[in-house]
């Protein structure tokens, strides 16, 4: 399946968000060895961890396919995707423009 660079960035962002969710849950719940988690906490964490794993796997597979299709080194494509995924998305109409001044 052919992927665009923008799709790769979106996939990476989704995986990063899922990973952040896993880390947040782990920080919120504390270490399971310090105080046992409830069944609901365990289920929530397991679901979040699986979502992260699946999203990361899909992003990596798409990245490999894209690099192969483009004839580029995979690690270079991955670096470009990660760099782009870390950059905040610009929504149309939110570009930083100077407001018109009223002096004039």
N, C-alpha and C. Protein backbone atom coordinates (compact mmCIF):
# COMPACT_ATOMS: atom_id res chain seq x y z
N UNK A 1 0.84 -1.18 0.00
CA UNK A 1 0.00 0.00 0.00
C UNK A 1 0.89 1.24 0.00
N UNK A 2 0.66 2.14 -0.92
CA UNK A 2 1.45 3.35 -1.01
C UNK A 2 1.00 4.35 0.06
N UNK A 3 1.95 4.99 0.67
CA UNK A 3 1.69 5.98 1.71
C UNK A 3 2.34 7.28 1.30
N UNK A 4 1.74 8.39 1.74
CA UNK A 4 2.37 9.68 1.54
C UNK A 4 3.16 10.03 2.79
N UNK A 5 4.06 11.00 2.64
CA UNK A 5 4.83 11.43 3.79
C UNK A 5 3.90 11.96 4.88
N UNK A 6 2.87 12.68 4.49
CA UNK A 6 1.92 13.24 5.45
C UNK A 6 1.20 12.13 6.22
N UNK A 7 0.88 11.03 5.54
CA UNK A 7 0.26 9.90 6.23
C UNK A 7 1.21 9.29 7.25
N UNK A 8 2.50 9.22 6.89
CA UNK A 8 3.48 8.69 7.83
C UNK A 8 3.57 9.57 9.07
N UNK A 9 3.56 10.88 8.86
CA UNK A 9 3.63 11.81 9.98
C UNK A 9 2.39 11.64 10.87
N UNK A 10 1.23 11.52 10.26
CA UNK A 10 -0.01 11.34 11.03
C UNK A 10 0.03 10.04 11.83
N UNK A 11 0.53 8.98 11.22
CA UNK A 11 0.66 7.70 11.92
C UNK A 11 1.62 7.81 13.10
N UNK A 12 2.74 8.52 12.89
CA UNK A 12 3.71 8.68 13.97
C UNK A 12 3.13 9.51 15.10
N UNK A 13 2.40 10.56 14.76
CA UNK A 13 1.77 11.38 15.79
C UNK A 13 0.76 10.57 16.60
N UNK A 14 -0.01 9.73 15.93
CA UNK A 14 -0.99 8.89 16.63
C UNK A 14 -0.28 7.93 17.58
N UNK A 15 0.81 7.34 17.12
CA UNK A 15 1.58 6.42 17.98
C UNK A 15 2.18 7.18 19.16
N UNK A 16 2.68 8.39 18.91
CA UNK A 16 3.26 9.19 20.00
C UNK A 16 2.20 9.56 21.03
N UNK A 17 1.00 9.92 20.56
CA UNK A 17 -0.09 10.25 21.48
C UNK A 17 -0.50 9.04 22.32
N UNK A 18 -0.55 7.88 21.68
CA UNK A 18 -0.90 6.66 22.41
C UNK A 18 0.17 6.33 23.44
N UNK A 19 1.43 6.55 23.10
CA UNK A 19 2.53 6.30 24.04
C UNK A 19 2.42 7.26 25.22
N UNK A 20 2.11 8.51 24.93
CA UNK A 20 1.95 9.49 26.02
C UNK A 20 0.83 9.07 26.96
N UNK A 21 -0.23 8.51 26.40
CA UNK A 21 -1.36 8.02 27.22
C UNK A 21 -0.90 6.88 28.14
N UNK A 22 -0.12 5.97 27.60
CA UNK A 22 0.40 4.86 28.40
C UNK A 22 1.27 5.40 29.54
N UNK A 23 2.15 6.33 29.22
CA UNK A 23 3.02 6.90 30.25
C UNK A 23 2.21 7.64 31.31
N UNK A 24 1.18 8.36 30.88
CA UNK A 24 0.32 9.09 31.82
C UNK A 24 -0.39 8.11 32.76
N UNK A 25 -0.92 7.05 32.20
CA UNK A 25 -1.60 6.06 33.05
C UNK A 25 -0.63 5.44 34.05
N UNK A 26 0.55 5.09 33.57
CA UNK A 26 1.54 4.47 34.47
C UNK A 26 1.92 5.44 35.59
N UNK A 27 2.10 6.71 35.23
CA UNK A 27 2.43 7.71 36.26
C UNK A 27 1.27 7.92 37.23
N UNK A 28 0.06 7.92 36.71
CA UNK A 28 -1.13 8.12 37.55
C UNK A 28 -1.36 6.96 38.50
N UNK A 29 -1.20 5.75 37.99
CA UNK A 29 -1.50 4.56 38.79
C UNK A 29 -0.37 4.18 39.74
N UNK A 30 0.84 4.59 39.42
CA UNK A 30 1.98 4.17 40.21
C UNK A 30 2.43 2.78 39.79
N UNK A 31 3.54 2.35 40.32
CA UNK A 31 4.08 1.04 39.97
C UNK A 31 3.15 -0.05 40.50
N UNK A 32 2.81 -1.03 39.65
CA UNK A 32 1.90 -2.08 40.11
C UNK A 32 2.50 -2.94 41.22
N UNK A 33 3.81 -2.89 41.37
CA UNK A 33 4.44 -3.66 42.45
C UNK A 33 4.37 -2.92 43.78
N UNK A 34 4.22 -1.59 43.73
CA UNK A 34 4.13 -0.81 44.96
C UNK A 34 2.74 -0.93 45.58
N UNK A 35 1.73 -0.79 44.75
CA UNK A 35 0.35 -0.95 45.20
C UNK A 35 -0.40 -1.61 44.06
N UNK A 36 -1.02 -2.75 44.31
CA UNK A 36 -1.71 -3.46 43.23
C UNK A 36 -2.77 -2.58 42.55
N UNK A 37 -2.85 -2.70 41.24
CA UNK A 37 -3.85 -1.96 40.48
C UNK A 37 -5.18 -2.69 40.58
N UNK A 38 -6.25 -1.92 40.48
CA UNK A 38 -7.58 -2.53 40.42
C UNK A 38 -7.73 -3.20 39.06
N UNK A 39 -8.76 -4.01 38.92
CA UNK A 39 -9.01 -4.67 37.63
C UNK A 39 -9.28 -3.64 36.56
N UNK A 40 -10.02 -2.58 36.90
CA UNK A 40 -10.31 -1.52 35.92
C UNK A 40 -9.04 -0.82 35.48
N UNK A 41 -8.13 -0.55 36.43
CA UNK A 41 -6.86 0.09 36.08
C UNK A 41 -6.03 -0.82 35.18
N UNK A 42 -5.98 -2.09 35.52
CA UNK A 42 -5.23 -3.05 34.71
C UNK A 42 -5.79 -3.14 33.29
N UNK A 43 -7.11 -3.19 33.19
CA UNK A 43 -7.76 -3.27 31.88
C UNK A 43 -7.51 -2.00 31.06
N UNK A 44 -7.63 -0.85 31.70
CA UNK A 44 -7.41 0.42 31.01
C UNK A 44 -5.98 0.51 30.51
N UNK A 45 -5.02 0.16 31.37
CA UNK A 45 -3.61 0.22 30.99
C UNK A 45 -3.32 -0.77 29.85
N UNK A 46 -3.84 -1.97 29.96
CA UNK A 46 -3.61 -2.99 28.93
C UNK A 46 -4.19 -2.54 27.58
N UNK A 47 -5.36 -1.95 27.60
CA UNK A 47 -5.97 -1.46 26.36
C UNK A 47 -5.13 -0.34 25.75
N UNK A 48 -4.68 0.58 26.59
CA UNK A 48 -3.85 1.69 26.09
C UNK A 48 -2.52 1.16 25.55
N UNK A 49 -1.93 0.21 26.25
CA UNK A 49 -0.64 -0.35 25.80
C UNK A 49 -0.80 -1.07 24.46
N UNK A 50 -1.87 -1.82 24.31
CA UNK A 50 -2.11 -2.52 23.04
C UNK A 50 -2.36 -1.54 21.90
N UNK A 51 -3.10 -0.47 22.18
CA UNK A 51 -3.34 0.55 21.15
C UNK A 51 -2.02 1.17 20.72
N UNK A 52 -1.16 1.50 21.68
CA UNK A 52 0.15 2.07 21.36
C UNK A 52 0.97 1.08 20.53
N UNK A 53 1.00 -0.15 20.96
CA UNK A 53 1.77 -1.18 20.25
C UNK A 53 1.29 -1.33 18.81
N UNK A 54 -0.01 -1.39 18.62
CA UNK A 54 -0.56 -1.56 17.28
C UNK A 54 -0.30 -0.34 16.40
N UNK A 55 -0.48 0.85 16.94
CA UNK A 55 -0.22 2.07 16.17
C UNK A 55 1.25 2.20 15.81
N UNK A 56 2.13 1.88 16.75
CA UNK A 56 3.57 1.96 16.48
C UNK A 56 3.97 0.93 15.43
N UNK A 57 3.42 -0.26 15.51
CA UNK A 57 3.71 -1.31 14.53
C UNK A 57 3.26 -0.87 13.14
N UNK A 58 2.06 -0.33 13.04
CA UNK A 58 1.55 0.13 11.75
C UNK A 58 2.39 1.27 11.19
N UNK A 59 2.79 2.20 12.06
CA UNK A 59 3.63 3.32 11.61
C UNK A 59 4.97 2.82 11.10
N UNK A 60 5.56 1.85 11.78
CA UNK A 60 6.86 1.33 11.37
C UNK A 60 6.75 0.56 10.05
N UNK A 61 5.70 -0.20 9.88
CA UNK A 61 5.50 -0.94 8.63
C UNK A 61 5.30 0.02 7.46
N UNK A 62 4.50 1.05 7.67
CA UNK A 62 4.27 2.04 6.62
C UNK A 62 5.56 2.77 6.28
N UNK A 63 6.34 3.07 7.29
CA UNK A 63 7.62 3.75 7.08
C UNK A 63 8.56 2.88 6.24
N UNK A 64 8.62 1.61 6.54
CA UNK A 64 9.46 0.69 5.77
C UNK A 64 9.01 0.63 4.32
N UNK A 65 7.71 0.52 4.10
CA UNK A 65 7.18 0.48 2.72
C UNK A 65 7.49 1.76 1.98
N UNK A 66 7.30 2.89 2.64
CA UNK A 66 7.55 4.19 2.01
C UNK A 66 9.03 4.33 1.62
N UNK A 67 9.91 3.98 2.54
CA UNK A 67 11.34 4.09 2.25
C UNK A 67 11.73 3.21 1.07
N UNK A 68 11.18 2.02 1.03
CA UNK A 68 11.46 1.10 -0.07
C UNK A 68 10.95 1.68 -1.39
N UNK A 69 9.70 2.19 -1.37
CA UNK A 69 9.11 2.76 -2.59
C UNK A 69 9.87 3.98 -3.08
N UNK A 70 10.38 4.78 -2.14
CA UNK A 70 11.10 6.00 -2.49
C UNK A 70 12.58 5.76 -2.78
N UNK A 71 13.06 4.54 -2.48
CA UNK A 71 14.47 4.23 -2.69
C UNK A 71 15.39 5.01 -1.76
N UNK A 72 14.90 5.27 -0.55
CA UNK A 72 15.67 6.03 0.45
C UNK A 72 16.01 5.13 1.62
N UNK A 73 17.08 5.46 2.34
CA UNK A 73 17.40 4.69 3.55
C UNK A 73 16.28 4.84 4.58
N UNK A 74 15.91 3.73 5.16
CA UNK A 74 14.80 3.73 6.12
C UNK A 74 15.08 4.66 7.30
N UNK A 75 16.31 4.63 7.80
CA UNK A 75 16.62 5.47 8.97
C UNK A 75 16.52 6.96 8.65
N UNK A 76 16.83 7.34 7.41
CA UNK A 76 16.70 8.75 7.02
C UNK A 76 15.23 9.15 6.94
N UNK A 77 14.40 8.29 6.40
CA UNK A 77 12.97 8.57 6.33
C UNK A 77 12.40 8.64 7.74
N UNK A 78 12.79 7.72 8.59
CA UNK A 78 12.29 7.72 9.97
C UNK A 78 12.67 9.01 10.69
N UNK A 79 13.90 9.47 10.50
CA UNK A 79 14.34 10.72 11.12
C UNK A 79 13.51 11.90 10.62
N UNK A 80 13.24 11.93 9.32
CA UNK A 80 12.42 13.01 8.75
C UNK A 80 11.00 12.96 9.31
N UNK A 81 10.44 11.77 9.40
CA UNK A 81 9.08 11.61 9.92
C UNK A 81 9.01 12.03 11.38
N UNK A 82 9.96 11.59 12.18
CA UNK A 82 9.95 11.95 13.60
C UNK A 82 10.09 13.46 13.79
N UNK A 83 10.97 14.06 13.01
CA UNK A 83 11.16 15.51 13.09
C UNK A 83 9.86 16.23 12.72
N UNK A 84 9.21 15.80 11.65
CA UNK A 84 7.96 16.41 11.22
C UNK A 84 6.84 16.17 12.24
N UNK A 85 6.83 15.00 12.86
CA UNK A 85 5.78 14.67 13.82
C UNK A 85 5.92 15.50 15.10
N UNK A 86 7.11 15.92 15.41
CA UNK A 86 7.34 16.74 16.61
C UNK A 86 6.94 18.18 16.38
N UNK A 87 6.87 18.61 15.13
CA UNK A 87 6.50 19.98 14.80
C UNK A 87 4.99 20.11 14.92
N UNK A 88 4.53 21.12 15.64
CA UNK A 88 3.07 21.27 15.77
C UNK A 88 2.41 21.48 14.41
N UNK A 89 1.21 20.90 14.28
CA UNK A 89 0.46 21.06 13.04
C UNK A 89 -0.07 22.49 12.97
N UNK A 90 -0.03 23.06 11.78
CA UNK A 90 -0.63 24.37 11.58
C UNK A 90 -2.01 24.18 11.00
N UNK A 91 -2.98 24.78 11.66
CA UNK A 91 -4.35 24.72 11.18
C UNK A 91 -4.57 25.93 10.28
N UNK A 92 -5.26 25.75 9.16
CA UNK A 92 -5.50 26.91 8.29
C UNK A 92 -6.11 28.06 9.07
N UNK A 93 -5.55 29.25 8.83
CA UNK A 93 -6.05 30.43 9.51
C UNK A 93 -5.38 30.70 10.84
N UNK A 94 -4.43 29.83 11.25
CA UNK A 94 -3.76 30.05 12.52
C UNK A 94 -2.30 30.43 12.34
N UNK A 95 -1.90 30.70 11.11
CA UNK A 95 -0.51 31.10 10.88
C UNK A 95 -0.28 32.40 11.62
N UNK A 96 0.95 32.55 12.12
CA UNK A 96 1.23 33.74 12.91
C UNK A 96 1.38 34.94 11.97
N UNK A 97 0.38 35.77 12.00
CA UNK A 97 0.39 36.99 11.20
C UNK A 97 0.26 38.15 12.16
N UNK A 98 0.89 39.26 11.78
CA UNK A 98 0.76 40.47 12.57
C UNK A 98 -0.66 41.01 12.38
N UNK A 99 -1.32 41.33 13.47
CA UNK A 99 -2.65 41.93 13.30
C UNK A 99 -2.50 43.33 12.70
N UNK A 100 -3.47 43.76 11.93
CA UNK A 100 -3.36 45.09 11.36
C UNK A 100 -3.30 46.13 12.46
N UNK A 101 -2.42 47.10 12.28
CA UNK A 101 -2.30 48.12 13.32
C UNK A 101 -3.37 49.17 13.10
N UNK A 102 -3.79 49.76 14.18
CA UNK A 102 -4.85 50.75 14.10
C UNK A 102 -4.34 52.16 13.96
N UNK A 103 -3.00 52.28 13.72
CA UNK A 103 -2.49 53.65 13.63
C UNK A 103 -2.56 54.19 12.22
N UNK A 104 -3.33 54.15 11.52
CA UNK A 104 -3.18 54.69 10.33
C UNK A 104 -3.63 55.15 9.21
